[in-house]
Amino acid sequence: MTAYLDYLAYAVLFLTYFGLGLGYIPGYRMNRAAIAVVGAALLVVLGVLDLKSAWAALDPSTLVFLFGVMVLSANLSEAGFFNLVLMGLVRLARTPLGLLVWLSLGSGVLSALFLNDTVAILLTPLVFALVRSLELPPVPYLLALAGATNLGSVATLTGNPQNILVGSFSNISYPEFAAALVPVALVGLLLQIGLLCLLYPEVRSRAPLQRVNLPLELNQASLIKGGYVTLGLLLAFLLGYPPAQAALVAAGLLLFSRRLPSEQFFGRVDWELLVMFSGLFIVTHAVEALGLLEPVKPLVDRPWSLLWVTAGLSNLISNVPAVLLLHKLVAAGDVKGWLLLASASTLAGNLTLLGSVANLIVAEAARREGHKLGFLEHLRFGLPITLVTLLLAYFWIYR
């Protein structure tokens, strides 16, 4: 009977990771958050874990950190901060080539400071409206936005969910992480600009851009308050204050408001991502309890193999589940190993259209507007930029 239950548990794990990689389970209307929770529930039912050990598998630091950054992003979005930044980039650009450069650098910096998926969600409709008004081809600029949100997010612990996980598990400080990976992000963004210029000759144009005015509604009070809280949060990170505690304090300060109802903040928090993380913590603990990580250990015993296993697994089952699976195999004091796990799982997101949420966001935006950004169209950009930046990260970290 025990062996039979084990086989059922293996089947549950296979379907869970299959659904996570695909983003859905054929025939069922379930997203990644639902798949993670259902998988966790079935593993508890099968006795792989009891409820107490499932609850203990949750990592509160990661969940609190994510929540705090989401509340901060919600405040800045509501205040019109991201629209303001994009309009500033347009004024700096002046030419189609300038727009490509500033869009890549600007969205990369924003993704380093805030969650990359949030930046992609907020900027994609604005960028599309902008290039349509300027009568520019949308695909290279959408690729620039998607690629830059992935590349820029490599730089900091707040750049993406997998970096937040790595920071929580490894206890690497914000300054140490940034000092190691900011150069990788910057060089990667420059390589992206060069590659897009090579693939799309029309973006090399230096003809002056026509003046364009996008709708810009600012909430000045919220913008000022959010700006001060953001600066305070970054200062806390740089001074070594525990990131999760700093993010929670920042969220508390922003939610303490006489002007904005709390619903406006909570409505913009990505609760599905928090739920997915919670389910994945439990599923990963079940994988460990079943001893399924043992066969993987020889595959990641060297940095070179860790690089490619992480990149491959990130495209098969998505980067967050990949990091949750592999973090148990990285030694606590192996700072370079943790940096490689974070950078490889992030950079691998550029490989295919399905590699990251940012890619899917821009592809869906293009589809709605009648422009096809297909798998092969993305792959001819994603394959070279991913291979080059993975090698760049590896040789930079282990220089």
Protein backbone atom coordinates (compact mmCIF):
# COMPACT_ATOMS: atom_id res chain seq x y z
CA MET A 1 0.00 0.00 0.00
CA THR A 2 2.88 2.35 0.84
CA ALA A 3 4.50 1.74 -2.54
CA TYR A 4 1.17 2.41 -4.25
CA LEU A 5 0.82 5.74 -2.43
CA ASP A 6 4.39 6.63 -3.38
CA TYR A 7 3.60 6.04 -7.05
CA LEU A 8 0.54 8.27 -6.72
CA ALA A 9 2.70 10.95 -5.10
CA TYR A 10 5.18 10.72 -8.00
CA ALA A 11 2.29 11.12 -10.45
CA VAL A 12 1.03 14.19 -8.55
CA LEU A 13 4.51 15.74 -8.63
CA PHE A 14 4.87 15.04 -12.35
CA LEU A 15 1.52 16.63 -13.17
CA THR A 16 2.24 19.58 -10.89
CA TYR A 17 5.56 20.42 -12.51
CA PHE A 18 4.17 19.68 -15.96
CA GLY A 19 1.39 22.18 -15.32
CA LEU A 20 3.79 24.74 -13.86
CA GLY A 21 5.98 24.54 -16.93
CA LEU A 22 3.09 24.74 -19.34
CA GLY A 23 1.18 27.34 -17.33
CA TYR A 24 -1.99 25.24 -17.30
CA ILE A 25 -3.19 21.64 -17.34
CA PRO A 26 -4.97 20.68 -20.58
CA GLY A 27 -8.71 20.42 -20.07
CA TYR A 28 -8.72 22.31 -16.77
CA ARG A 29 -9.08 26.02 -16.10
CA MET A 30 -6.23 26.23 -13.61
CA ASN A 31 -3.37 28.71 -13.56
CA ARG A 32 0.03 28.18 -11.91
CA ALA A 33 -1.19 29.29 -8.49
CA ALA A 34 -4.07 26.81 -8.53
CA ILE A 35 -1.81 24.01 -9.81
CA ALA A 36 0.69 24.58 -6.98
CA VAL A 37 -2.04 24.61 -4.30
CA VAL A 38 -3.83 21.53 -5.67
CA GLY A 39 -0.51 19.68 -5.92
CA ALA A 40 0.34 20.60 -2.32
CA ALA A 41 -3.12 19.53 -1.10
CA LEU A 42 -2.92 16.13 -2.82
CA LEU A 43 0.53 15.47 -1.36
CA VAL A 44 -0.86 16.14 2.11
CA VAL A 45 -3.82 13.83 1.42
CA LEU A 46 -1.41 11.09 0.28
CA GLY A 47 0.51 11.38 3.55
CA VAL A 48 3.79 12.60 2.08
CA LEU A 49 3.51 15.53 4.51
CA ASP A 50 1.17 16.32 7.35
CA LEU A 51 -0.41 19.75 7.72
CA LYS A 52 2.07 20.80 10.41
CA SER A 53 5.12 20.02 8.27
CA ALA A 54 3.44 21.60 5.23
CA TRP A 55 2.92 24.81 7.18
CA ALA A 56 6.52 24.69 8.44
CA ALA A 57 7.71 24.45 4.81
CA LEU A 58 6.53 28.02 4.12
CA ASP A 59 9.29 30.63 4.18
CA PRO A 60 7.84 33.74 5.86
CA SER A 61 10.78 36.00 4.95
CA THR A 62 10.25 35.41 1.23
CA LEU A 63 6.49 35.90 1.39
CA VAL A 64 6.74 39.08 3.48
CA PHE A 65 9.47 40.49 1.23
CA LEU A 66 7.36 39.86 -1.87
CA PHE A 67 4.29 41.42 -0.28
CA GLY A 68 6.17 44.56 0.75
CA VAL A 69 7.66 45.12 -2.70
CA MET A 70 4.24 44.58 -4.28
CA VAL A 71 2.63 47.22 -2.05
CA LEU A 72 5.41 49.66 -2.95
CA SER A 73 4.92 48.98 -6.67
CA ALA A 74 1.16 49.42 -6.24
CA ASN A 75 1.66 52.85 -4.65
CA LEU A 76 4.03 54.06 -7.37
CA SER A 77 1.75 52.74 -10.11
CA GLU A 78 -1.28 54.46 -8.61
CA ALA A 79 0.72 57.70 -8.33
CA GLY A 80 1.64 57.59 -12.05
CA PHE A 81 5.36 57.04 -11.45
CA PHE A 82 5.88 54.54 -14.28
CA ASN A 83 4.04 56.72 -16.82
CA LEU A 84 6.23 59.63 -15.75
CA VAL A 85 9.40 57.61 -16.23
CA LEU A 86 8.37 56.47 -19.71
CA MET A 87 7.61 60.02 -20.80
CA GLY A 88 11.01 61.07 -19.51
CA LEU A 89 12.66 58.34 -21.57
CA VAL A 90 10.82 59.52 -24.69
CA ARG A 91 12.13 63.06 -24.18
CA LEU A 92 15.67 61.71 -23.88
CA ALA A 93 15.35 59.40 -26.91
CA ARG A 94 14.71 61.82 -29.82
CA THR A 95 15.31 59.09 -32.48
CA PRO A 96 14.13 55.48 -33.03
CA LEU A 97 17.61 54.26 -32.06
CA GLY A 98 17.58 56.47 -28.98
CA LEU A 99 14.18 55.10 -28.00
CA LEU A 100 15.49 51.52 -28.21
CA VAL A 101 18.50 52.42 -26.05
CA TRP A 102 16.61 54.37 -23.40
CA LEU A 103 13.72 51.90 -23.28
CA SER A 104 16.15 49.03 -22.70
CA LEU A 105 18.15 50.86 -20.03
CA GLY A 106 15.14 52.46 -18.35
CA SER A 107 13.04 49.31 -18.06
CA GLY A 108 16.15 47.41 -16.96
CA VAL A 109 16.75 49.85 -14.09
CA LEU A 110 13.08 49.80 -13.07
CA SER A 111 13.15 45.99 -13.03
CA ALA A 112 16.21 46.03 -10.79
CA LEU A 113 14.39 48.20 -8.26
CA PHE A 114 10.92 46.61 -8.50
CA LEU A 115 9.61 43.21 -9.57
CA ASN A 116 10.24 42.60 -13.27
CA ASP A 117 6.79 41.16 -13.99
CA THR A 118 5.19 44.26 -12.46
CA VAL A 119 7.28 46.51 -14.71
CA ALA A 120 6.32 44.45 -17.77
CA ILE A 121 2.62 44.57 -16.92
CA LEU A 122 2.64 48.34 -16.34
CA LEU A 123 4.86 49.41 -19.24
CA THR A 124 3.70 47.09 -22.04
CA PRO A 125 0.45 48.94 -22.89
CA LEU A 126 2.24 52.29 -22.57
CA VAL A 127 5.08 51.24 -24.87
CA PHE A 128 2.63 49.86 -27.41
CA ALA A 129 0.62 53.09 -27.42
CA LEU A 130 3.85 55.04 -27.79
CA VAL A 131 5.28 53.14 -30.78
CA ARG A 132 1.87 53.17 -32.47
CA SER A 133 1.69 56.96 -32.10
CA LEU A 134 5.22 57.28 -33.47
CA GLU A 135 4.43 54.85 -36.35
CA LEU A 136 7.35 52.59 -35.38
CA PRO A 137 7.45 48.78 -35.76
CA PRO A 138 6.28 47.43 -32.39
CA VAL A 139 8.03 44.03 -32.25
CA PRO A 140 11.63 45.17 -31.66
CA TYR A 141 10.55 47.60 -28.94
CA LEU A 142 8.37 44.99 -27.25
CA LEU A 143 11.28 42.54 -27.38
CA ALA A 144 13.47 45.25 -25.88
CA LEU A 145 11.01 45.70 -23.02
CA ALA A 146 10.65 41.96 -22.32
CA GLY A 147 14.36 41.27 -22.57
CA ALA A 148 15.35 44.27 -20.47
CA THR A 149 12.94 43.40 -17.65
CA ASN A 150 14.61 39.98 -17.42
CA LEU A 151 18.17 41.27 -17.82
CA GLY A 152 17.77 44.23 -15.48
CA SER A 153 16.19 42.12 -12.77
CA VAL A 154 19.39 40.08 -12.49
CA ALA A 155 21.05 42.99 -10.70
CA THR A 156 19.33 43.04 -7.30
CA LEU A 157 17.50 40.96 -4.73
CA THR A 158 14.30 42.91 -5.45
CA GLY A 159 14.47 42.36 -9.21
CA ASN A 160 12.42 39.18 -9.41
CA PRO A 161 10.86 36.45 -7.25
CA GLN A 162 13.69 33.95 -7.73
CA ASN A 163 16.26 36.49 -6.54
CA ILE A 164 14.12 37.12 -3.47
CA LEU A 165 14.19 33.37 -2.82
CA VAL A 166 17.96 33.22 -3.19
CA GLY A 167 18.39 36.17 -0.85
CA SER A 168 16.17 34.53 1.76
CA PHE A 169 17.89 31.15 1.59
CA SER A 170 21.50 32.36 1.29
CA ASN A 171 21.46 35.47 3.52
CA ILE A 172 23.52 37.33 0.90
CA SER A 173 23.18 41.06 1.59
CA TYR A 174 21.60 43.46 -0.88
CA PRO A 175 24.90 45.35 -1.51
CA GLU A 176 26.89 42.13 -1.97
CA PHE A 177 24.36 40.74 -4.44
CA ALA A 178 24.18 43.99 -6.41
CA ALA A 179 27.96 44.45 -6.48
CA ALA A 180 28.32 41.00 -8.01
CA LEU A 181 25.55 41.10 -10.62
CA VAL A 182 24.99 44.75 -11.63
CA PRO A 183 27.85 44.46 -14.20
CA VAL A 184 26.20 41.36 -15.70
CA ALA A 185 22.91 43.23 -16.04
CA LEU A 186 24.50 46.32 -17.61
CA VAL A 187 26.58 44.40 -20.14
CA GLY A 188 23.58 42.20 -20.92
CA LEU A 189 21.44 45.27 -21.67
CA LEU A 190 24.11 46.65 -24.00
CA LEU A 191 24.35 43.29 -25.77
CA GLN A 192 20.57 43.28 -26.17
CA ILE A 193 20.63 46.71 -27.82
CA GLY A 194 23.31 45.55 -30.25
CA LEU A 195 21.47 42.33 -31.09
CA LEU A 196 18.16 44.10 -31.75
CA CYS A 197 19.94 46.61 -34.00
CA LEU A 198 21.38 43.67 -35.92
CA LEU A 199 18.07 41.81 -36.23
CA TYR A 200 15.89 44.88 -36.96
CA PRO A 201 17.73 47.40 -39.16
CA GLU A 202 14.79 49.85 -39.01
CA VAL A 203 15.52 50.65 -35.33
CA ARG A 204 18.95 52.05 -36.27
CA SER A 205 17.27 55.13 -37.71
CA ARG A 206 18.43 58.49 -36.37
CA ALA A 207 15.56 60.44 -37.89
CA PRO A 208 13.94 62.79 -35.34
CA LEU A 209 10.88 61.44 -33.57
CA GLN A 210 7.68 63.42 -33.80
CA ARG A 211 6.31 64.91 -30.60
CA VAL A 212 3.85 62.66 -28.81
CA ASN A 213 1.83 63.13 -25.65
CA LEU A 214 0.68 60.11 -23.69
CA PRO A 215 -1.99 60.46 -20.99
CA LEU A 216 -0.24 61.40 -17.75
CA GLU A 217 -2.23 61.52 -14.52
CA LEU A 218 -0.15 62.07 -11.39
CA ASN A 219 -1.11 61.85 -7.76
CA GLN A 220 1.53 64.19 -6.40
CA ALA A 221 1.03 63.39 -2.73
CA SER A 222 1.27 59.62 -3.33
CA LEU A 223 4.24 60.14 -5.64
CA ILE A 224 6.18 62.10 -3.02
CA LYS A 225 5.33 59.67 -0.24
CA GLY A 226 6.19 56.65 -2.40
CA GLY A 227 9.45 58.27 -3.45
CA TYR A 228 10.54 58.84 0.15
CA VAL A 229 9.56 55.32 1.18
CA THR A 230 11.44 53.88 -1.82
CA LEU A 231 14.59 55.81 -0.92
CA GLY A 232 14.25 54.75 2.70
CA LEU A 233 13.83 51.11 1.69
CA LEU A 234 16.90 51.18 -0.56
CA LEU A 235 18.90 52.84 2.22
CA ALA A 236 17.78 50.10 4.64
CA PHE A 237 18.92 47.45 2.16
CA LEU A 238 22.31 49.13 1.73
CA LEU A 239 22.78 49.42 5.50
CA GLY A 240 22.16 45.71 5.94
CA TYR A 241 18.72 45.86 7.58
CA PRO A 242 16.90 42.50 7.09
CA PRO A 243 15.16 42.83 3.69
CA ALA A 244 11.88 41.21 4.73
CA GLN A 245 11.55 43.46 7.78
CA ALA A 246 12.43 46.54 5.73
CA ALA A 247 9.84 45.65 3.08
CA LEU A 248 7.18 45.08 5.74
CA VAL A 249 7.89 48.46 7.36
CA ALA A 250 7.70 50.12 3.91
CA ALA A 251 4.33 48.45 3.22
CA GLY A 252 3.03 49.59 6.61
CA LEU A 253 4.04 53.19 5.98
CA LEU A 254 2.32 53.22 2.59
CA LEU A 255 -0.86 51.56 3.85
CA PHE A 256 -1.10 54.17 6.64
CA SER A 257 -2.96 56.70 4.52
CA ARG A 258 -5.78 59.25 4.82
CA ARG A 259 -6.05 59.79 1.05
CA LEU A 260 -6.02 56.38 -0.61
CA PRO A 261 -8.34 53.53 0.47
CA SER A 262 -6.53 50.30 1.33
CA GLU A 263 -8.46 48.49 -1.39
CA GLN A 264 -6.45 50.37 -4.04
CA PHE A 265 -3.25 48.84 -2.67
CA PHE A 266 -4.58 45.36 -2.04
CA GLY A 267 -6.27 45.25 -5.42
CA ARG A 268 -2.88 45.64 -7.12
CA VAL A 269 -1.04 43.06 -5.00
CA ASP A 270 -0.37 39.86 -6.96
CA TRP A 271 -2.03 37.48 -4.52
CA GLU A 272 -1.81 34.66 -7.03
CA LEU A 273 1.97 34.86 -6.97
CA LEU A 274 2.00 34.70 -3.16
CA VAL A 275 -0.36 31.72 -3.23
CA MET A 276 1.78 30.00 -5.87
CA PHE A 277 4.89 30.50 -3.74
CA SER A 278 3.13 29.01 -0.72
CA GLY A 279 2.05 25.94 -2.68
CA LEU A 280 5.52 25.52 -4.18
CA PHE A 281 7.20 25.61 -0.78
CA ILE A 282 5.05 22.65 0.23
CA VAL A 283 5.55 20.77 -3.05
CA THR A 284 9.32 21.23 -2.86
CA HIS A 285 9.38 19.96 0.72
CA ALA A 286 7.51 16.87 -0.49
CA VAL A 287 10.12 16.32 -3.21
CA GLU A 288 12.80 16.40 -0.56
CA ALA A 289 10.83 14.11 1.77
CA LEU A 290 10.51 11.52 -1.02
CA GLY A 291 14.27 11.61 -1.62
CA LEU A 292 13.89 12.73 -5.22
CA LEU A 293 16.66 15.31 -4.99
CA GLU A 294 19.35 12.68 -4.47
CA PRO A 295 19.68 11.71 -8.19
CA VAL A 296 20.03 15.41 -9.08
CA LYS A 297 23.02 16.06 -6.78
CA PRO A 298 25.67 14.60 -9.15
CA LEU A 299 24.29 16.81 -11.95
CA VAL A 300 24.98 20.04 -10.06
CA ASP A 301 28.19 19.17 -8.23
CA ARG A 302 30.17 21.61 -10.38
CA PRO A 303 29.42 25.26 -11.27
CA TRP A 304 29.40 24.55 -15.02
CA SER A 305 26.78 21.82 -14.65
CA LEU A 306 24.76 23.92 -12.16
CA LEU A 307 24.58 26.67 -14.80
CA TRP A 308 23.06 24.47 -17.49
CA VAL A 309 20.83 22.40 -15.22
CA THR A 310 19.37 25.61 -13.77
CA ALA A 311 18.85 27.14 -17.22
CA GLY A 312 17.25 23.98 -18.59
CA LEU A 313 15.03 23.37 -15.59
CA SER A 314 13.94 27.02 -15.58
CA ASN A 315 12.56 26.61 -19.08
CA LEU A 316 10.96 23.24 -18.33
CA ILE A 317 9.15 24.03 -15.09
CA SER A 318 9.65 27.85 -14.78
CA ASN A 319 12.37 29.65 -12.85
CA VAL A 320 10.76 29.92 -9.39
CA PRO A 321 10.05 26.16 -9.09
CA ALA A 322 13.55 25.48 -10.44
CA VAL A 323 15.18 27.62 -7.73
CA LEU A 324 13.01 26.05 -5.05
CA LEU A 325 14.13 22.60 -6.18
CA LEU A 326 17.83 23.36 -6.61
CA HIS A 327 18.48 25.59 -3.60
CA LYS A 328 18.75 22.53 -1.34
CA LEU A 329 21.77 21.44 -3.40
CA VAL A 330 23.76 24.67 -2.99
CA ALA A 331 25.94 24.86 0.12
CA ALA A 332 24.96 27.57 2.61
CA GLY A 333 28.30 29.38 2.38
CA ASP A 334 28.77 29.01 -1.38
CA VAL A 335 28.15 32.65 -2.35
CA LYS A 336 29.22 32.11 -5.97
CA GLY A 337 26.91 29.12 -6.26
CA TRP A 338 23.96 31.17 -5.02
CA LEU A 339 24.77 34.00 -7.42
CA LEU A 340 24.98 31.53 -10.29
CA LEU A 341 21.64 29.97 -9.34
CA ALA A 342 19.98 33.40 -9.27
CA SER A 343 21.50 34.68 -12.52
CA ALA A 344 21.08 31.47 -14.52
CA SER A 345 17.41 31.06 -13.55
CA THR A 346 16.73 34.68 -14.52
CA LEU A 347 18.73 34.90 -17.74
CA ALA A 348 17.23 31.62 -18.96
CA GLY A 349 13.88 33.42 -19.04
CA ASN A 350 14.88 35.13 -22.27
CA LEU A 351 15.39 31.86 -24.14
CA THR A 352 11.87 31.17 -25.38
CA LEU A 353 8.53 32.91 -25.51
CA LEU A 354 7.38 30.68 -22.63
CA GLY A 355 10.51 31.30 -20.56
CA SER A 356 9.17 34.19 -18.49
CA VAL A 357 5.93 35.95 -17.66
CA ALA A 358 7.31 39.18 -19.15
CA ASN A 359 7.66 37.48 -22.56
CA LEU A 360 4.07 36.26 -22.45
CA ILE A 361 2.79 39.68 -21.39
CA VAL A 362 4.30 41.45 -24.39
CA ALA A 363 3.33 38.66 -26.79
CA GLU A 364 -0.30 38.85 -25.65
CA ALA A 365 -0.26 42.65 -25.98
CA ALA A 366 1.04 42.33 -29.53
CA ARG A 367 -1.62 39.73 -30.40
CA ARG A 368 -4.44 41.95 -29.13
CA GLU A 369 -3.22 44.75 -31.38
CA GLY A 370 -2.94 42.52 -34.46
CA HIS A 371 0.85 42.02 -34.41
CA LYS A 372 2.15 38.48 -34.15
CA LEU A 373 5.15 37.84 -31.90
CA GLY A 374 5.55 34.12 -32.51
CA PHE A 375 7.76 31.48 -30.94
CA LEU A 376 10.37 31.50 -33.72
CA GLU A 377 10.39 35.30 -33.95
CA HIS A 378 11.23 35.46 -30.26
CA LEU A 379 13.67 32.55 -30.44
CA ARG A 380 15.97 34.25 -32.95
CA PHE A 381 16.40 37.01 -30.38
CA GLY A 382 16.15 34.89 -27.23
CA LEU A 383 18.56 32.10 -28.12
CA PRO A 384 21.68 34.23 -28.77
CA ILE A 385 21.05 36.70 -25.92
CA THR A 386 20.46 33.85 -23.47
CA LEU A 387 23.56 31.86 -24.43
CA VAL A 388 25.84 34.90 -24.39
CA THR A 389 24.54 36.29 -21.10
CA LEU A 390 24.67 32.88 -19.38
CA LEU A 391 28.32 32.57 -20.35
CA LEU A 392 28.92 36.16 -19.30
CA ALA A 393 27.41 35.51 -15.87
CA TYR A 394 29.37 32.29 -15.38
CA PHE A 395 32.77 33.72 -16.27
CA TRP A 396 32.11 36.95 -14.35
CA ILE A 397 31.10 35.15 -11.16
CA TYR A 398 33.96 32.62 -11.38
CA ARG A 399 36.58 35.00 -12.75
